[in-house]
Protein backbone atom coordinates (compact mmCIF):
# COMPACT_ATOMS: atom_id res chain seq x y z
CA MET A 1 151.94 84.03 96.70
CA GLN A 2 149.90 81.31 95.01
CA HIS A 3 152.06 78.52 93.62
CA VAL A 4 151.64 77.60 89.95
CA ALA A 5 151.48 73.97 88.85
CA LEU A 6 151.59 72.32 85.43
CA VAL A 7 150.07 68.85 85.09
CA THR A 8 150.63 66.99 81.82
CA GLY A 9 148.38 64.18 80.63
CA ALA A 10 145.40 66.00 82.10
CA SER A 11 142.84 64.47 79.75
CA SER A 12 142.77 61.04 81.39
CA GLY A 13 143.98 58.81 84.19
CA VAL A 14 146.23 60.16 86.91
CA GLY A 15 146.65 63.58 85.31
CA GLU A 16 142.89 64.05 85.07
CA ALA A 17 142.54 63.19 88.77
CA LEU A 18 145.54 65.20 89.91
CA ALA A 19 144.95 68.56 88.19
CA PRO A 20 141.60 69.44 89.87
CA MET A 21 142.88 68.05 93.17
CA LEU A 22 145.70 70.61 93.14
CA ALA A 23 143.26 73.37 92.22
CA GLN A 24 141.08 72.46 95.19
CA ARG A 25 144.14 72.73 97.42
CA GLY A 26 145.03 76.26 96.43
CA PHE A 27 147.32 75.92 93.41
CA LYS A 28 146.96 77.81 90.17
CA VAL A 29 146.80 74.81 87.83
CA TYR A 30 147.40 74.39 84.12
CA GLY A 31 146.40 71.06 82.61
CA MET A 32 148.23 70.05 79.45
CA SER A 33 146.99 67.38 77.04
CA ARG A 34 146.76 66.73 73.34
CA ARG A 35 143.03 67.48 73.42
CA GLU A 36 141.51 70.33 75.37
CA VAL A 37 139.65 69.33 78.51
CA ASN A 38 137.36 71.12 80.91
CA LEU A 39 138.37 70.37 84.51
CA PRO A 40 137.17 72.41 87.51
CA GLY A 41 139.66 75.08 88.48
CA VAL A 42 142.12 74.06 85.75
CA THR A 43 143.28 76.15 82.79
CA ALA A 44 143.51 73.90 79.72
CA LEU A 45 146.67 73.89 77.61
CA PRO A 46 146.24 71.83 74.42
CA ALA A 47 149.73 70.60 73.53
CA ASP A 48 151.62 67.41 72.71
CA VAL A 49 154.74 66.95 74.85
CA SER A 50 156.50 65.25 71.94
CA ASP A 51 156.26 68.54 69.98
CA ALA A 52 158.99 70.69 71.55
CA ALA A 53 157.88 73.94 69.89
CA GLU A 54 154.23 73.49 70.84
CA LEU A 55 155.22 72.61 74.38
CA GLN A 56 157.44 75.67 74.68
CA ARG A 57 154.62 77.95 73.54
CA SER A 58 152.38 76.54 76.26
CA VAL A 59 155.02 77.06 78.95
CA ASP A 60 155.58 80.61 77.67
CA ARG A 61 151.86 81.23 78.11
CA ILE A 62 152.04 80.12 81.75
CA LEU A 63 154.91 82.53 82.38
CA GLU A 64 153.14 85.39 80.60
CA GLU A 65 150.00 84.90 82.68
CA THR A 66 151.52 84.15 86.08
CA GLY A 67 155.21 85.10 86.00
CA ARG A 68 156.23 81.86 87.71
CA LEU A 69 156.19 78.06 87.63
CA ASP A 70 156.64 76.11 90.86
CA VAL A 71 155.49 72.55 90.24
CA VAL A 72 155.51 70.25 87.23
CA LEU A 73 153.76 66.89 87.53
CA HIS A 74 154.42 64.96 84.35
CA CYS A 75 151.72 62.32 83.88
CA ALA A 76 151.57 62.19 80.07
CA GLY A 77 152.47 58.84 78.56
CA ILE A 78 151.34 56.10 76.21
CA GLY A 79 151.73 52.33 76.05
CA GLY A 80 151.71 49.68 73.37
CA ALA A 81 152.12 45.95 72.85
CA GLY A 82 153.84 43.75 70.32
CA PRO A 83 156.96 41.58 69.95
CA VAL A 84 160.22 43.30 69.13
CA GLU A 85 160.52 41.25 65.95
CA GLN A 86 157.22 42.36 64.45
CA MET A 87 155.87 45.46 66.19
CA PRO A 88 155.80 48.32 63.65
CA THR A 89 158.76 50.59 64.31
CA ASP A 90 156.67 53.73 63.93
CA ARG A 91 154.47 52.51 66.80
CA ALA A 92 157.47 51.80 69.01
CA ARG A 93 159.02 55.15 68.08
CA ARG A 94 155.81 56.97 69.05
CA ILE A 95 156.01 55.43 72.53
CA MET A 96 159.60 56.61 72.93
CA ASP A 97 158.81 60.04 71.49
CA THR A 98 156.05 60.59 74.05
CA ASN A 99 157.41 58.87 77.14
CA PHE A 100 161.09 59.74 76.90
CA TRP A 101 161.61 62.60 74.45
CA GLY A 102 158.41 64.25 75.66
CA SER A 103 159.87 64.22 79.16
CA TRP A 104 163.13 65.60 77.81
CA ASN A 105 161.27 68.41 76.03
CA LEU A 106 159.34 69.19 79.19
CA CYS A 107 162.51 69.43 81.26
CA GLN A 108 164.17 71.79 78.80
CA ALA A 109 161.10 74.03 78.70
CA THR A 110 160.43 74.18 82.44
CA LEU A 111 163.70 73.73 84.34
CA PRO A 112 164.87 77.36 84.02
CA HIS A 113 161.65 78.50 85.70
CA LEU A 114 161.37 75.71 88.28
CA ARG A 115 164.88 76.52 89.51
CA GLN A 116 163.76 80.06 90.31
CA SER A 117 160.96 78.87 92.60
CA ASP A 118 161.50 78.86 96.35
CA ARG A 119 159.96 75.37 96.41
CA GLY A 120 160.39 73.93 92.93
CA ARG A 121 159.16 70.40 92.36
CA LEU A 122 159.47 68.20 89.27
CA LEU A 123 157.77 64.81 89.54
CA LEU A 124 158.05 62.54 86.51
CA VAL A 125 155.61 59.64 86.37
CA GLY A 126 157.44 56.53 85.24
CA SER A 127 156.42 52.93 85.84
CA ILE A 128 157.46 49.78 87.62
CA ALA A 129 158.05 48.58 84.05
CA GLY A 130 161.04 50.91 83.95
CA PHE A 131 162.84 48.59 86.38
CA MET A 132 162.37 45.37 84.39
CA GLY A 133 161.51 43.97 80.99
CA ILE A 134 157.95 42.75 80.44
CA PRO A 135 157.19 40.41 77.53
CA PHE A 136 155.71 42.10 74.47
CA ARG A 137 156.04 45.55 76.11
CA ALA A 138 159.66 46.19 75.16
CA ALA A 139 159.19 49.70 73.77
CA TYR A 140 157.20 50.83 76.79
CA CYS A 141 159.67 49.32 79.27
CA ALA A 142 162.60 50.87 77.41
CA SER A 143 160.97 54.31 77.44
CA LYS A 144 160.36 54.17 81.19
CA ALA A 145 163.84 52.80 81.90
CA ALA A 146 165.26 55.74 79.94
CA LEU A 147 163.12 58.11 81.99
CA LYS A 148 164.44 56.56 85.22
CA THR A 149 168.09 57.06 84.30
CA MET A 150 167.39 60.57 82.98
CA THR A 151 165.85 61.39 86.37
CA GLU A 152 168.94 60.09 88.16
CA SER A 153 171.20 62.27 85.99
CA LEU A 154 168.95 65.29 86.38
CA ARG A 155 168.91 65.06 90.17
CA MET A 156 172.69 65.34 90.25
CA GLU A 157 172.71 68.17 87.72
CA VAL A 158 170.36 70.37 89.76
CA ASN A 159 172.00 69.52 93.08
CA GLY A 160 172.70 72.75 94.97
CA THR A 161 169.51 74.46 93.77
CA ASP A 162 166.12 74.60 95.50
CA LEU A 163 164.60 72.29 92.88
CA GLN A 164 163.61 68.77 94.00
CA VAL A 165 163.29 66.06 91.31
CA THR A 166 161.95 62.52 91.54
CA MET A 167 160.32 59.77 89.52
CA VAL A 168 157.09 58.17 90.74
CA ALA A 169 156.79 54.59 89.49
CA PRO A 170 153.23 53.23 89.80
CA GLY A 171 152.15 49.68 89.25
CA ASP A 172 148.91 48.81 87.49
CA ILE A 173 146.32 51.60 87.42
CA ALA A 174 142.68 50.94 86.52
CA THR A 175 142.27 53.31 83.58
CA ASN A 176 141.20 52.92 79.96
CA SER A 177 144.84 52.79 78.83
CA MET A 178 144.59 49.23 77.48
CA ALA A 179 141.65 50.18 75.30
CA THR A 180 143.28 53.29 73.88
CA GLN A 181 146.86 52.09 73.29
CA TYR A 182 148.13 50.24 70.24
CA ARG A 183 148.06 46.45 70.73
CA GLN A 184 149.25 44.45 67.78
CA PRO A 185 146.56 42.02 66.54
CA VAL A 186 147.47 38.50 67.59
CA PHE A 187 146.80 36.97 64.19
CA ASP A 188 149.23 39.38 62.52
CA LEU A 189 152.06 37.68 64.40
CA ASP A 190 154.23 34.73 63.57
CA PRO A 191 152.68 31.57 65.08
CA VAL A 192 155.67 31.18 67.39
CA TYR A 193 154.44 34.25 69.30
CA GLN A 194 150.67 34.06 69.03
CA ALA A 195 149.71 31.90 72.03
CA ARG A 196 152.16 33.49 74.46
CA TYR A 197 151.35 37.00 73.25
CA GLN A 198 147.63 36.45 73.79
CA THR A 199 148.22 34.99 77.25
CA PHE A 200 150.46 37.84 78.36
CA ASP A 201 148.21 40.50 76.84
CA GLU A 202 145.10 39.13 78.56
CA GLY A 203 147.05 38.85 81.82
CA MET A 204 148.13 42.47 81.53
CA ALA A 205 144.56 43.59 80.82
CA ASP A 206 143.28 41.70 83.88
CA ASN A 207 145.94 43.26 86.10
CA VAL A 208 145.07 46.75 84.84
CA ASP A 209 141.36 46.17 85.44
CA GLN A 210 142.14 45.23 89.05
CA GLY A 211 144.70 47.99 89.55
CA MET A 212 144.79 51.08 91.74
CA THR A 213 142.41 53.92 91.06
CA ALA A 214 143.78 57.05 89.41
CA ALA A 215 142.53 59.07 92.39
CA TYR A 216 144.60 56.94 94.78
CA VAL A 217 147.77 57.40 92.74
CA ALA A 218 147.08 61.14 92.43
CA GLU A 219 146.81 61.43 96.21
CA ARG A 220 150.10 59.57 96.65
CA ILE A 221 151.80 61.87 94.16
CA TYR A 222 150.50 64.90 96.03
CA LYS A 223 151.87 63.60 99.32
CA ILE A 224 155.25 62.91 97.72
CA MET A 225 155.31 66.39 96.21
CA GLU A 226 154.74 67.93 99.63
CA LYS A 227 157.80 66.28 101.19
CA ASP A 228 160.67 68.60 102.08
CA SER A 229 163.25 66.29 100.49
CA LEU A 230 162.55 63.87 97.65
CA GLU A 231 164.14 60.46 97.12
CA PRO A 232 165.30 59.45 93.61
CA TYR A 233 162.13 57.44 93.04
CA TYR A 234 158.98 56.21 94.74
CA VAL A 235 157.31 52.92 93.83
CA VAL A 236 153.52 53.06 94.25
CA GLY A 237 151.54 49.84 94.16
CA GLU A 238 150.58 46.64 95.90
CA LEU A 239 153.16 44.89 98.05
CA VAL A 240 153.89 42.30 95.38
CA GLN A 241 154.57 45.04 92.83
CA ARG A 242 156.77 47.04 95.18
CA ALA A 243 158.68 43.88 96.08
CA SER A 244 159.11 43.02 92.40
CA VAL A 245 161.44 45.99 91.89
CA LYS A 246 163.88 44.57 94.43
CA ALA A 247 163.29 40.95 93.43
CA SER A 248 164.19 41.72 89.81
CA ARG A 249 167.65 42.75 91.04
CA TRP A 250 168.21 40.17 93.75
CA LEU A 251 166.93 36.95 92.19
CA PRO A 252 168.97 35.02 89.63
CA ALA A 253 167.82 36.01 86.16
CA TRP A 254 166.38 32.59 85.26
CA ILE A 255 164.27 32.50 88.43
CA TRP A 256 163.01 36.05 87.93
CA GLU A 257 161.95 35.31 84.35
CA ARG A 258 159.85 32.38 85.58
CA VAL A 259 158.29 34.46 88.35
CA LEU A 260 157.37 37.25 85.95
CA GLY A 261 156.03 34.76 83.41
CA LYS A 262 153.66 33.25 85.97
CA TYR A 263 152.49 36.69 87.12
CA TYR A 264 151.19 37.59 83.66
CA SER A 265 149.94 34.12 82.70
């Protein structure tokens, strides 16, 4: 029987690359995003993952039309930049609502059905930023760190079922995310932050421009999904980014802060 997959964040980036890829490979694919998109072989589901009721209605539609749900690939997420002291709280809260609570909502809506699949897979797209703090990206890092620990808890909770759960943590991906996310204007900030904020923000933008393609990350996610047994997380990125996850734990804190500061300067 044809397996049914739900891909969130299907309107851009990795989700936009991944949804039609799965359709080409024989899956019945539903692509969820806040705005409706037209992707080959993909049934569009306009919904915001931070709206639990709207999300549940979309999942109910999948079950009504197919009677099953086998794979959920959660790519929806947003970023944002600003210092903790001055970034508007509503902006920071929106990041957490989408990246963490949206993931929570998705789990509650889909887990009962994924557990019934003979090969259930739940892949949550986090970030390398979930393993470390990045200057002026505190809300984003916190949301991805929360997603990481939720994934760890969830894996133990579903142990003994056929459902496999993991978090995929990519490094920089060359998408339009920097252009579309909220970035606090530099001249709105206290002078103590302005120069460093501008340096770090420009460094982040350069790294994103030179990052992996969305198609490459989508292919890696597909290969991870096809494994018989999933590890707690998979870091996807250049060697220096993969090594940074371990270095952030092994190096003394003062050394790591200097290393990270130079990387984004």
